[in-house]
Amino acid sequence: MMAAHPLFEIRGLVKIYGGRTVLDGLDFDVARGECLVVLGRSGSGKSVTLRQLVGLERPDAGSVRFDGTDLASLSEQELYPLRRRVAMLFQSGALFDSMNVFENVAFPLREHTREPEAEIARRVAEKLDLVHLEGIEERLPSQLSGGMRKRVALARAIALDPEAVLFDEPTTGLDPMTSASIAGLIRDTTRQLGATAVVVTHDLALTRHVADRIAFLDAGRFRFVGTWAEAAAGADPLVSRFLAGQPEEEDVA
């Protein structure tokens, strides 16, 4: 799937926290229109990588290029228009508790556009329809199930028709049936938008459902990037054990 000009190009990415190197010269590309799923053990730096892709954190070394532009070269003000093009769905959903569903989904439209209220209402209804949540505009987040809150958060993330959507553990805290539903929505909505997706997760069922490629993060670098079939073929024992849900050899008594 790799195009001549990837949407994201990451080279030599280094991120250090408190003297600990979390990302150690990370190199990878994300093709336009693909879904890349980032896997790895807890604390391996998956979410740190995701935050770099939208400029929420600055690298200590290396570059993160989006559509040819190095994010580290941009001021906070210059990053603002980019955040219309790259949406991030946080693990918690990060809905505004004091706003109803309509106001939550309308928020980025009001923040980033000057659309009239009638057009905003049309676009909110369109996005809620995409995530199969018609008719709940007046409900507050506290009145929704965990799965419904995730759907509302997805509707808000895609309100501006972004070119890329970044998902941070989108199925955390959900039962398997709801997780499968969210996986289907991620696949279907990003395809309908023609959007690129990067998903950080521990959910292997989600990974199999949505990933065009997977990238396994270990010791600050990707030790494997490829398809599920390639990973499961067993070329890398650690990746194979991870996909099979088996403990690492040193964890076995």
Protein backbone atom coordinates (compact mmCIF):
# COMPACT_ATOMS: atom_id res chain seq x y z
CA MET A 1 0.00 0.00 0.00
CA MET A 2 2.96 2.36 0.38
CA ALA A 3 2.52 5.31 -1.97
CA ALA A 4 5.30 7.43 -3.40
CA HIS A 5 4.45 10.19 -0.92
CA PRO A 6 3.25 8.81 2.45
CA LEU A 7 0.97 10.98 4.56
CA PHE A 8 3.22 10.54 7.62
CA GLU A 9 7.00 10.18 7.44
CA ILE A 10 8.83 9.63 10.72
CA ARG A 11 12.63 9.58 10.80
CA GLY A 12 14.99 9.14 13.75
CA LEU A 13 12.26 9.98 16.28
CA VAL A 14 13.56 10.23 19.84
CA LYS A 15 11.51 11.02 22.95
CA ILE A 16 12.99 11.05 26.45
CA TYR A 17 11.14 11.34 29.76
CA GLY A 18 13.07 11.81 33.00
CA GLY A 19 16.23 10.37 31.53
CA ARG A 20 14.44 7.33 30.07
CA THR A 21 14.49 6.99 26.28
CA VAL A 22 10.98 5.90 25.30
CA LEU A 23 11.38 6.28 21.55
CA ASP A 24 14.86 5.56 20.27
CA GLY A 25 15.36 6.55 16.64
CA LEU A 26 11.95 5.42 15.40
CA ASP A 27 11.56 5.23 11.59
CA PHE A 28 8.31 4.49 9.77
CA ASP A 29 5.84 5.75 7.17
CA VAL A 30 2.05 5.70 7.07
CA ALA A 31 0.56 5.47 3.58
CA ARG A 32 -2.39 7.55 2.53
CA GLY A 33 -5.61 5.65 3.10
CA GLU A 34 -4.14 2.77 5.10
CA CYS A 35 -4.86 1.66 8.65
CA LEU A 36 -1.68 1.07 10.64
CA VAL A 37 -2.13 -0.58 14.05
CA VAL A 38 0.62 -0.03 16.60
CA LEU A 39 1.06 -2.90 19.07
CA GLY A 40 3.42 -3.44 21.96
CA ARG A 41 3.62 -4.22 25.64
CA SER A 42 2.37 -1.73 28.24
CA GLY A 43 4.76 1.18 28.65
CA SER A 44 6.45 0.60 25.30
CA GLY A 45 5.64 4.12 24.03
CA LYS A 46 2.65 3.46 21.77
CA SER A 47 0.58 6.43 22.96
CA VAL A 48 3.70 8.62 22.98
CA THR A 49 4.14 7.80 19.31
CA LEU A 50 0.54 8.74 18.59
CA ARG A 51 0.86 12.12 20.30
CA GLN A 52 3.89 12.90 18.16
CA LEU A 53 1.83 12.44 15.00
CA VAL A 54 -0.49 15.32 15.86
CA GLY A 55 2.10 17.60 17.42
CA LEU A 56 0.80 17.29 20.98
CA GLU A 57 4.41 16.66 22.07
CA ARG A 58 7.69 17.70 20.51
CA PRO A 59 10.40 15.16 19.68
CA ASP A 60 13.78 15.41 21.39
CA ALA A 61 15.38 14.46 18.09
CA GLY A 62 14.31 13.41 14.63
CA SER A 63 11.37 14.53 12.53
CA VAL A 64 7.66 13.90 12.13
CA ARG A 65 6.41 15.01 8.72
CA PHE A 66 2.72 15.25 7.86
CA ASP A 67 2.06 15.72 4.15
CA GLY A 68 5.64 16.92 3.77
CA THR A 69 5.64 19.41 6.67
CA ASP A 70 7.85 18.84 9.72
CA LEU A 71 5.57 19.35 12.73
CA ALA A 72 8.48 20.33 14.97
CA SER A 73 9.07 23.37 12.76
CA LEU A 74 5.57 24.73 13.45
CA SER A 75 4.49 27.03 16.24
CA GLU A 76 1.38 26.20 18.26
CA GLN A 77 -0.53 28.69 16.15
CA GLU A 78 0.75 27.12 12.94
CA LEU A 79 -0.30 23.68 14.21
CA TYR A 80 -3.89 24.87 14.62
CA PRO A 81 -4.97 24.43 10.97
CA LEU A 82 -3.23 21.05 10.85
CA ARG A 83 -5.53 19.85 13.62
CA ARG A 84 -8.42 20.28 11.23
CA ARG A 85 -6.76 17.67 9.05
CA VAL A 86 -5.70 15.20 11.77
CA ALA A 87 -8.21 14.12 14.41
CA MET A 88 -7.39 12.20 17.57
CA LEU A 89 -9.79 9.96 19.45
CA PHE A 90 -8.57 9.74 23.03
CA GLN A 91 -8.88 6.61 25.15
CA SER A 92 -11.44 8.22 27.47
CA GLY A 93 -13.40 9.77 24.61
CA ALA A 94 -12.87 13.16 26.30
CA LEU A 95 -16.48 14.29 25.82
CA PHE A 96 -17.56 17.51 27.50
CA ASP A 97 -19.80 16.37 30.35
CA SER A 98 -21.73 19.66 30.48
CA MET A 99 -22.62 19.52 26.77
CA ASN A 100 -25.19 17.29 25.17
CA VAL A 101 -24.36 15.01 22.25
CA PHE A 102 -25.24 17.61 19.62
CA GLU A 103 -23.05 20.26 21.25
CA ASN A 104 -20.14 17.82 21.61
CA VAL A 105 -20.18 16.86 17.93
CA ALA A 106 -20.77 20.45 16.85
CA PHE A 107 -17.87 21.76 18.94
CA PRO A 108 -15.07 21.32 16.35
CA LEU A 109 -17.31 22.73 13.61
CA ARG A 110 -17.96 25.86 15.67
CA GLU A 111 -14.31 26.07 16.70
CA HIS A 112 -12.75 25.68 13.26
CA THR A 113 -15.38 26.87 10.76
CA ARG A 114 -17.84 29.68 10.22
CA GLU A 115 -20.60 27.44 8.97
CA PRO A 116 -24.16 28.62 9.65
CA GLU A 117 -26.05 26.74 12.35
CA ALA A 118 -28.25 24.99 9.79
CA GLU A 119 -25.17 23.50 8.09
CA ILE A 120 -23.66 22.54 11.44
CA ALA A 121 -26.89 20.76 12.36
CA ARG A 122 -26.83 18.91 9.03
CA ARG A 123 -23.23 17.80 9.51
CA VAL A 124 -23.82 16.70 13.11
CA ALA A 125 -26.78 14.59 11.98
CA GLU A 126 -24.65 13.13 9.16
CA LYS A 127 -21.84 12.09 11.50
CA LEU A 128 -24.19 10.63 14.09
CA ASP A 129 -25.83 8.64 11.31
CA LEU A 130 -22.40 7.29 10.29
CA VAL A 131 -21.87 5.92 13.82
CA HIS A 132 -25.47 4.65 14.06
CA LEU A 133 -26.61 7.04 16.80
CA GLU A 134 -29.52 8.89 15.28
CA GLY A 135 -31.94 10.72 17.59
CA ILE A 136 -29.78 11.10 20.72
CA GLU A 137 -28.68 14.70 20.19
CA GLU A 138 -30.22 15.97 23.44
CA ARG A 139 -28.70 13.35 25.73
CA LEU A 140 -25.79 14.14 28.04
CA PRO A 141 -22.68 11.90 28.12
CA SER A 142 -23.72 10.67 31.58
CA GLN A 143 -26.87 9.21 30.01
CA LEU A 144 -24.94 7.08 27.53
CA SER A 145 -23.36 3.64 27.76
CA GLY A 146 -19.60 3.27 27.38
CA GLY A 147 -19.99 2.11 23.81
CA MET A 148 -22.29 5.00 22.92
CA ARG A 149 -19.82 7.50 24.39
CA LYS A 150 -17.09 6.03 22.19
CA ARG A 151 -19.36 6.42 19.16
CA VAL A 152 -20.15 10.03 19.99
CA ALA A 153 -16.41 10.69 20.42
CA LEU A 154 -15.81 9.15 16.98
CA ALA A 155 -18.55 11.30 15.45
CA ARG A 156 -16.91 14.37 16.95
CA ALA A 157 -13.46 13.27 15.74
CA ILE A 158 -14.67 12.98 12.13
CA ALA A 159 -16.88 16.10 12.20
CA LEU A 160 -14.36 18.06 10.10
CA ASP A 161 -13.80 15.21 7.61
CA PRO A 162 -10.14 14.80 8.60
CA GLU A 163 -7.51 13.28 6.34
CA ALA A 164 -6.20 11.16 9.23
CA VAL A 165 -7.74 9.83 12.44
CA LEU A 166 -5.57 8.67 15.35
CA PHE A 167 -7.15 6.21 17.81
CA ASP A 168 -5.71 5.71 21.32
CA GLU A 169 -6.97 2.39 22.74
CA PRO A 170 -10.48 2.82 21.26
CA THR A 171 -11.95 -0.34 22.81
CA THR A 172 -10.56 -0.06 26.35
CA GLY A 173 -13.22 -0.88 28.95
CA LEU A 174 -15.70 -2.30 26.47
CA ASP A 175 -17.14 -5.81 26.35
CA PRO A 176 -16.19 -8.00 23.35
CA MET A 177 -19.44 -7.42 21.45
CA THR A 178 -19.24 -3.63 21.82
CA SER A 179 -15.55 -3.74 20.92
CA ALA A 180 -16.40 -5.60 17.72
CA SER A 181 -18.98 -2.93 16.92
CA ILE A 182 -16.42 -0.16 17.42
CA ALA A 183 -13.95 -2.03 15.23
CA GLY A 184 -16.51 -2.14 12.44
CA LEU A 185 -17.17 1.57 12.82
CA ILE A 186 -13.47 2.42 12.65
CA ARG A 187 -13.10 0.43 9.45
CA ASP A 188 -16.30 1.69 7.83
CA THR A 189 -16.09 5.38 8.75
CA THR A 190 -12.44 5.80 7.77
CA ARG A 191 -13.11 4.06 4.45
CA GLN A 192 -16.14 6.25 3.75
CA LEU A 193 -14.07 9.35 4.53
CA GLY A 194 -11.07 8.03 2.60
CA ALA A 195 -9.06 8.77 5.76
CA THR A 196 -5.77 7.38 6.95
CA ALA A 197 -5.94 5.71 10.38
CA VAL A 198 -3.34 4.96 13.04
CA VAL A 199 -4.63 2.82 15.91
CA VAL A 200 -2.84 2.14 19.20
CA THR A 201 -4.33 -0.88 20.94
CA HIS A 202 -3.83 -4.10 22.91
CA ASP A 203 -7.02 -5.51 21.35
CA LEU A 204 -5.95 -8.30 18.99
CA ALA A 205 -9.47 -8.88 17.66
CA LEU A 206 -9.68 -5.19 16.74
CA THR A 207 -6.25 -5.42 15.12
CA ARG A 208 -7.23 -8.33 12.90
CA HIS A 209 -10.41 -6.53 11.87
CA VAL A 210 -9.02 -3.12 10.91
CA ALA A 211 -5.27 -3.37 10.22
CA ASP A 212 -3.76 -3.16 6.77
CA ARG A 213 -0.38 -3.37 8.53
CA ILE A 214 0.73 -3.78 12.09
CA ALA A 215 3.82 -2.30 13.74
CA PHE A 216 5.20 -3.87 16.91
CA LEU A 217 6.97 -1.41 19.21
CA ASP A 218 9.72 -2.74 21.47
CA ALA A 219 12.65 -0.98 23.15
CA GLY A 220 11.81 2.29 21.44
CA ARG A 221 11.80 0.96 17.89
CA PHE A 222 9.56 -1.08 15.63
CA ARG A 223 10.97 -4.59 15.54
CA PHE A 224 8.29 -5.65 13.06
CA VAL A 225 6.18 -3.81 10.46
CA GLY A 226 3.99 -5.80 8.08
CA THR A 227 0.71 -7.64 7.70
CA TRP A 228 -0.92 -9.85 10.32
CA ALA A 229 -0.19 -12.90 8.17
CA GLU A 230 3.49 -12.00 7.99
CA ALA A 231 3.64 -11.46 11.75
CA ALA A 232 1.83 -14.70 12.53
CA ALA A 233 4.16 -16.63 10.23
CA GLY A 234 6.65 -16.59 13.10
CA ALA A 235 9.70 -14.77 11.81
CA ASP A 236 9.95 -12.88 15.13
CA PRO A 237 9.30 -15.05 18.22
CA LEU A 238 8.32 -12.15 20.49
CA VAL A 239 5.76 -10.83 17.98
CA SER A 240 4.38 -14.34 17.44
CA ARG A 241 3.95 -14.88 21.19
CA PHE A 242 2.30 -11.48 21.58
CA LEU A 243 -0.24 -12.23 18.83
CA ALA A 244 -0.93 -15.63 20.40
CA GLY A 245 -1.38 -14.10 23.86
CA GLN A 246 1.48 -16.13 25.29
CA PRO A 247 3.91 -14.95 28.00
CA GLU A 248 7.45 -14.03 27.12
CA GLU A 249 9.98 -16.75 27.78
CA GLU A 250 11.52 -14.90 30.73
CA ASP A 251 8.03 -14.55 32.28
CA VAL A 252 7.50 -18.28 32.33
CA ALA A 253 8.46 -19.92 35.63
